[in-house]
Amino acid sequence: MVVRTCLLLVLAVLGGCEVTDSQRTTAACEAICECQAAPLPGLQDRCVAQCTAQVDVQLSDDCLACVSSHDTCATLERDCEPLCNPAQPEPDPVFPDGGIR
């Protein structure tokens, strides 16, 4: 399943086709689920479905490259997390009264 998705992504990129956000998310989740779920088709499918439902941002090229090329499950999260979930800047505090007293 992952090999097929990775090959489709590579062919789409080489062929100049646009890879959709959904395809990017599915490819990343398939690679992650190979590390997290038992290698049974039903469990892998369930893991991918849960993973894709939790992704609410567009995955960067760097994130997708890290996840899809990572060959060690033990360090996948540590190595790819900063690329896939970059730290968000803290929002400026909101002062309803404009900070005037």
N, C-alpha and C. Protein backbone atom coordinates (compact mmCIF):
# COMPACT_ATOMS: atom_id res chain seq x y z
N MET A 1 0.83 -1.18 0.00
CA MET A 1 0.00 0.00 0.00
C MET A 1 0.88 1.25 0.00
N VAL A 2 1.88 1.31 0.86
CA VAL A 2 2.75 2.47 0.94
C VAL A 2 3.60 2.59 -0.31
N VAL A 3 4.11 1.47 -0.77
CA VAL A 3 4.95 1.50 -1.97
C VAL A 3 4.14 2.04 -3.15
N ARG A 4 2.91 1.60 -3.27
CA ARG A 4 2.06 2.07 -4.36
C ARG A 4 1.83 3.57 -4.26
N THR A 5 1.54 4.06 -3.07
CA THR A 5 1.30 5.49 -2.88
C THR A 5 2.56 6.29 -3.15
N CYS A 6 3.70 5.82 -2.66
CA CYS A 6 4.96 6.52 -2.90
C CYS A 6 5.28 6.56 -4.39
N LEU A 7 5.06 5.46 -5.07
CA LEU A 7 5.31 5.44 -6.51
C LEU A 7 4.39 6.40 -7.24
N LEU A 8 3.13 6.47 -6.83
CA LEU A 8 2.20 7.41 -7.45
C LEU A 8 2.65 8.85 -7.21
N LEU A 9 3.12 9.14 -6.00
CA LEU A 9 3.60 10.49 -5.71
C LEU A 9 4.83 10.84 -6.54
N VAL A 10 5.76 9.90 -6.64
CA VAL A 10 6.97 10.14 -7.43
C VAL A 10 6.61 10.35 -8.89
N LEU A 11 5.74 9.51 -9.43
CA LEU A 11 5.33 9.67 -10.82
C LEU A 11 4.59 10.98 -11.05
N ALA A 12 3.77 11.38 -10.10
CA ALA A 12 3.04 12.64 -10.23
C ALA A 12 4.00 13.82 -10.23
N VAL A 13 4.99 13.79 -9.35
CA VAL A 13 5.96 14.87 -9.29
C VAL A 13 6.80 14.90 -10.56
N LEU A 14 7.29 13.75 -10.99
CA LEU A 14 8.11 13.69 -12.20
C LEU A 14 7.30 14.05 -13.44
N GLY A 15 6.04 13.66 -13.43
CA GLY A 15 5.19 13.94 -14.58
C GLY A 15 4.59 15.33 -14.56
N GLY A 16 4.87 16.10 -13.53
CA GLY A 16 4.35 17.45 -13.46
C GLY A 16 2.92 17.52 -12.96
N CYS A 17 2.38 16.44 -12.50
CA CYS A 17 1.01 16.44 -11.99
C CYS A 17 0.99 17.04 -10.59
N GLU A 18 -0.11 17.63 -10.26
CA GLU A 18 -0.30 18.19 -8.92
C GLU A 18 -0.70 17.07 -7.97
N VAL A 19 -0.02 16.97 -6.86
CA VAL A 19 -0.36 16.00 -5.84
C VAL A 19 -1.28 16.70 -4.86
N THR A 20 -2.44 16.13 -4.62
CA THR A 20 -3.41 16.79 -3.75
C THR A 20 -3.00 16.68 -2.29
N ASP A 21 -3.57 17.57 -1.47
CA ASP A 21 -3.31 17.52 -0.03
C ASP A 21 -3.73 16.17 0.54
N SER A 22 -4.82 15.64 0.04
CA SER A 22 -5.32 14.35 0.51
C SER A 22 -4.32 13.23 0.22
N GLN A 23 -3.73 13.25 -0.97
CA GLN A 23 -2.74 12.23 -1.34
C GLN A 23 -1.48 12.37 -0.49
N ARG A 24 -1.08 13.61 -0.22
CA ARG A 24 0.10 13.85 0.61
C ARG A 24 -0.14 13.32 2.02
N THR A 25 -1.31 13.63 2.56
CA THR A 25 -1.65 13.19 3.91
C THR A 25 -1.71 11.68 3.98
N THR A 26 -2.34 11.05 3.00
CA THR A 26 -2.45 9.59 2.98
C THR A 26 -1.07 8.95 2.90
N ALA A 27 -0.19 9.49 2.06
CA ALA A 27 1.16 8.92 1.93
C ALA A 27 1.91 9.01 3.25
N ALA A 28 1.83 10.15 3.91
CA ALA A 28 2.52 10.32 5.19
C ALA A 28 1.92 9.38 6.24
N CYS A 29 0.61 9.30 6.30
CA CYS A 29 -0.05 8.44 7.29
C CYS A 29 0.25 6.96 7.06
N GLU A 30 0.35 6.55 5.81
CA GLU A 30 0.69 5.15 5.52
C GLU A 30 2.09 4.82 6.05
N ALA A 31 3.02 5.74 5.85
CA ALA A 31 4.38 5.50 6.34
C ALA A 31 4.40 5.47 7.87
N ILE A 32 3.68 6.37 8.49
CA ILE A 32 3.63 6.41 9.96
C ILE A 32 2.97 5.15 10.50
N CYS A 33 1.89 4.72 9.87
CA CYS A 33 1.15 3.55 10.35
C CYS A 33 1.94 2.26 10.19
N GLU A 34 2.87 2.22 9.25
CA GLU A 34 3.73 1.03 9.15
C GLU A 34 4.54 0.85 10.42
N CYS A 35 4.82 1.95 11.11
CA CYS A 35 5.58 1.89 12.36
C CYS A 35 4.68 1.70 13.58
N GLN A 36 3.44 2.17 13.50
CA GLN A 36 2.60 2.19 14.69
C GLN A 36 1.60 1.05 14.80
N ALA A 37 1.18 0.48 13.70
CA ALA A 37 0.14 -0.54 13.74
C ALA A 37 0.70 -1.89 13.29
N ALA A 38 0.04 -2.95 13.74
CA ALA A 38 0.42 -4.30 13.32
C ALA A 38 0.27 -4.41 11.80
N PRO A 39 1.10 -5.22 11.16
CA PRO A 39 1.08 -5.32 9.70
C PRO A 39 -0.08 -6.14 9.14
N LEU A 40 -1.26 -5.88 9.62
CA LEU A 40 -2.46 -6.54 9.12
C LEU A 40 -3.25 -5.51 8.33
N PRO A 41 -3.75 -5.87 7.15
CA PRO A 41 -4.43 -4.89 6.30
C PRO A 41 -5.53 -4.10 7.02
N GLY A 42 -6.36 -4.76 7.79
CA GLY A 42 -7.45 -4.07 8.48
C GLY A 42 -6.94 -3.06 9.49
N LEU A 43 -5.90 -3.44 10.25
CA LEU A 43 -5.34 -2.54 11.25
C LEU A 43 -4.61 -1.38 10.58
N GLN A 44 -3.91 -1.64 9.49
CA GLN A 44 -3.24 -0.58 8.76
C GLN A 44 -4.25 0.42 8.19
N ASP A 45 -5.33 -0.11 7.60
CA ASP A 45 -6.36 0.76 7.04
C ASP A 45 -7.00 1.63 8.12
N ARG A 46 -7.27 1.05 9.27
CA ARG A 46 -7.88 1.79 10.38
C ARG A 46 -6.92 2.88 10.88
N CYS A 47 -5.66 2.53 10.99
CA CYS A 47 -4.64 3.49 11.44
C CYS A 47 -4.57 4.66 10.47
N VAL A 48 -4.54 4.37 9.16
CA VAL A 48 -4.46 5.43 8.15
C VAL A 48 -5.69 6.32 8.21
N ALA A 49 -6.87 5.71 8.37
CA ALA A 49 -8.10 6.49 8.45
C ALA A 49 -8.08 7.42 9.66
N GLN A 50 -7.63 6.92 10.81
CA GLN A 50 -7.56 7.74 12.02
C GLN A 50 -6.52 8.85 11.86
N CYS A 51 -5.40 8.51 11.28
CA CYS A 51 -4.31 9.48 11.08
C CYS A 51 -4.76 10.61 10.15
N THR A 52 -5.34 10.26 9.01
CA THR A 52 -5.76 11.29 8.06
C THR A 52 -6.84 12.18 8.63
N ALA A 53 -7.69 11.63 9.49
CA ALA A 53 -8.73 12.45 10.13
C ALA A 53 -8.14 13.45 11.11
N GLN A 54 -6.96 13.16 11.65
CA GLN A 54 -6.34 14.04 12.63
C GLN A 54 -5.48 15.13 12.01
N VAL A 55 -5.10 14.97 10.74
CA VAL A 55 -4.24 15.96 10.08
C VAL A 55 -5.13 17.10 9.60
N ASP A 56 -4.87 18.29 10.14
CA ASP A 56 -5.71 19.43 9.76
C ASP A 56 -4.91 20.55 9.11
N VAL A 57 -3.70 20.24 8.69
CA VAL A 57 -2.86 21.23 8.00
C VAL A 57 -2.30 20.60 6.74
N GLN A 58 -1.87 21.45 5.82
CA GLN A 58 -1.21 20.95 4.61
C GLN A 58 0.20 20.54 4.98
N LEU A 59 0.58 19.33 4.62
CA LEU A 59 1.91 18.83 4.93
C LEU A 59 2.92 19.41 3.95
N SER A 60 4.04 19.85 4.48
CA SER A 60 5.08 20.45 3.63
C SER A 60 5.81 19.36 2.85
N ASP A 61 6.53 19.80 1.83
CA ASP A 61 7.35 18.87 1.05
C ASP A 61 8.41 18.23 1.95
N ASP A 62 8.99 19.04 2.86
CA ASP A 62 10.02 18.53 3.76
C ASP A 62 9.45 17.45 4.69
N CYS A 63 8.24 17.66 5.19
CA CYS A 63 7.60 16.68 6.06
C CYS A 63 7.37 15.38 5.30
N LEU A 64 6.78 15.49 4.13
CA LEU A 64 6.48 14.30 3.34
C LEU A 64 7.75 13.55 2.97
N ALA A 65 8.79 14.27 2.59
CA ALA A 65 10.06 13.63 2.23
C ALA A 65 10.66 12.92 3.44
N CYS A 66 10.60 13.55 4.61
CA CYS A 66 11.16 12.95 5.82
C CYS A 66 10.43 11.65 6.15
N VAL A 67 9.10 11.72 6.19
CA VAL A 67 8.30 10.56 6.58
C VAL A 67 8.44 9.42 5.57
N SER A 68 8.36 9.75 4.28
CA SER A 68 8.36 8.68 3.28
C SER A 68 9.74 8.06 3.06
N SER A 69 10.80 8.79 3.39
CA SER A 69 12.14 8.24 3.19
C SER A 69 12.76 7.70 4.47
N HIS A 70 12.05 7.84 5.57
CA HIS A 70 12.61 7.41 6.86
C HIS A 70 12.62 5.90 6.94
N ASP A 71 13.75 5.33 7.29
CA ASP A 71 13.85 3.87 7.31
C ASP A 71 13.95 3.30 8.72
N THR A 72 13.86 4.14 9.73
CA THR A 72 13.94 3.66 11.11
C THR A 72 12.74 4.16 11.89
N CYS A 73 11.86 3.25 12.26
CA CYS A 73 10.66 3.63 13.00
C CYS A 73 11.01 4.25 14.35
N ALA A 74 12.09 3.80 14.95
CA ALA A 74 12.44 4.27 16.29
C ALA A 74 12.70 5.78 16.33
N THR A 75 13.14 6.36 15.21
CA THR A 75 13.46 7.78 15.21
C THR A 75 12.55 8.61 14.30
N LEU A 76 11.55 7.99 13.71
CA LEU A 76 10.66 8.68 12.78
C LEU A 76 10.03 9.91 13.42
N GLU A 77 9.40 9.73 14.57
CA GLU A 77 8.71 10.85 15.22
C GLU A 77 9.70 11.95 15.60
N ARG A 78 10.81 11.58 16.21
CA ARG A 78 11.80 12.57 16.65
C ARG A 78 12.35 13.37 15.47
N ASP A 79 12.64 12.69 14.38
CA ASP A 79 13.25 13.35 13.23
C ASP A 79 12.27 14.16 12.40
N CYS A 80 11.04 13.67 12.26
CA CYS A 80 10.09 14.30 11.35
C CYS A 80 9.10 15.25 12.02
N GLU A 81 8.89 15.11 13.31
CA GLU A 81 7.91 15.94 14.02
C GLU A 81 8.16 17.44 13.80
N PRO A 82 9.39 17.93 13.92
CA PRO A 82 9.61 19.38 13.72
C PRO A 82 9.25 19.84 12.30
N LEU A 83 9.39 18.96 11.33
CA LEU A 83 9.05 19.32 9.95
C LEU A 83 7.56 19.22 9.67
N CYS A 84 6.90 18.29 10.36
CA CYS A 84 5.48 18.06 10.11
C CYS A 84 4.57 18.91 11.00
N ASN A 85 5.04 19.26 12.16
CA ASN A 85 4.27 20.09 13.09
C ASN A 85 5.16 21.21 13.61
N PRO A 86 5.49 22.18 12.75
CA PRO A 86 6.37 23.25 13.20
C PRO A 86 5.71 24.04 14.33
N ALA A 87 6.54 24.55 15.21
CA ALA A 87 6.03 25.32 16.34
C ALA A 87 5.30 26.56 15.81
N GLN A 88 4.14 26.80 16.38
CA GLN A 88 3.36 27.96 15.99
C GLN A 88 3.73 29.14 16.90
N PRO A 89 3.83 30.33 16.33
CA PRO A 89 4.15 31.47 17.18
C PRO A 89 3.01 31.74 18.16
N GLU A 90 3.39 32.20 19.33
CA GLU A 90 2.39 32.54 20.34
C GLU A 90 1.61 33.76 19.86
N PRO A 91 0.28 33.72 19.96
CA PRO A 91 -0.49 34.89 19.54
C PRO A 91 -0.27 36.05 20.52
N ASP A 92 -0.39 37.25 19.99
CA ASP A 92 -0.29 38.42 20.84
C ASP A 92 -1.46 38.42 21.81
N PRO A 93 -1.22 38.83 23.04
CA PRO A 93 -2.33 38.87 24.00
C PRO A 93 -3.37 39.88 23.55
N VAL A 94 -4.61 39.55 23.79
CA VAL A 94 -5.72 40.44 23.41
C VAL A 94 -6.19 41.14 24.67
N PHE A 95 -6.21 42.45 24.59
CA PHE A 95 -6.71 43.25 25.70
C PHE A 95 -8.00 43.91 25.25
N PRO A 96 -9.14 43.39 25.74
CA PRO A 96 -10.43 43.91 25.29
C PRO A 96 -10.58 45.41 25.50
N ASP A 97 -9.99 45.94 26.55
CA ASP A 97 -10.13 47.38 26.83
C ASP A 97 -8.97 48.16 26.26
N GLY A 98 -8.18 47.55 25.41
CA GLY A 98 -7.04 48.22 24.81
C GLY A 98 -5.89 48.40 25.76
N GLY A 99 -5.96 47.78 26.93
CA GLY A 99 -4.88 47.88 27.91
C GLY A 99 -4.90 49.19 28.69
N ILE A 100 -5.97 49.97 28.51
CA ILE A 100 -6.07 51.26 29.22
C ILE A 100 -6.94 51.09 30.44
N ARG A 101 -6.49 51.63 31.54
CA ARG A 101 -7.29 51.55 32.78
C ARG A 101 -7.58 52.91 33.28
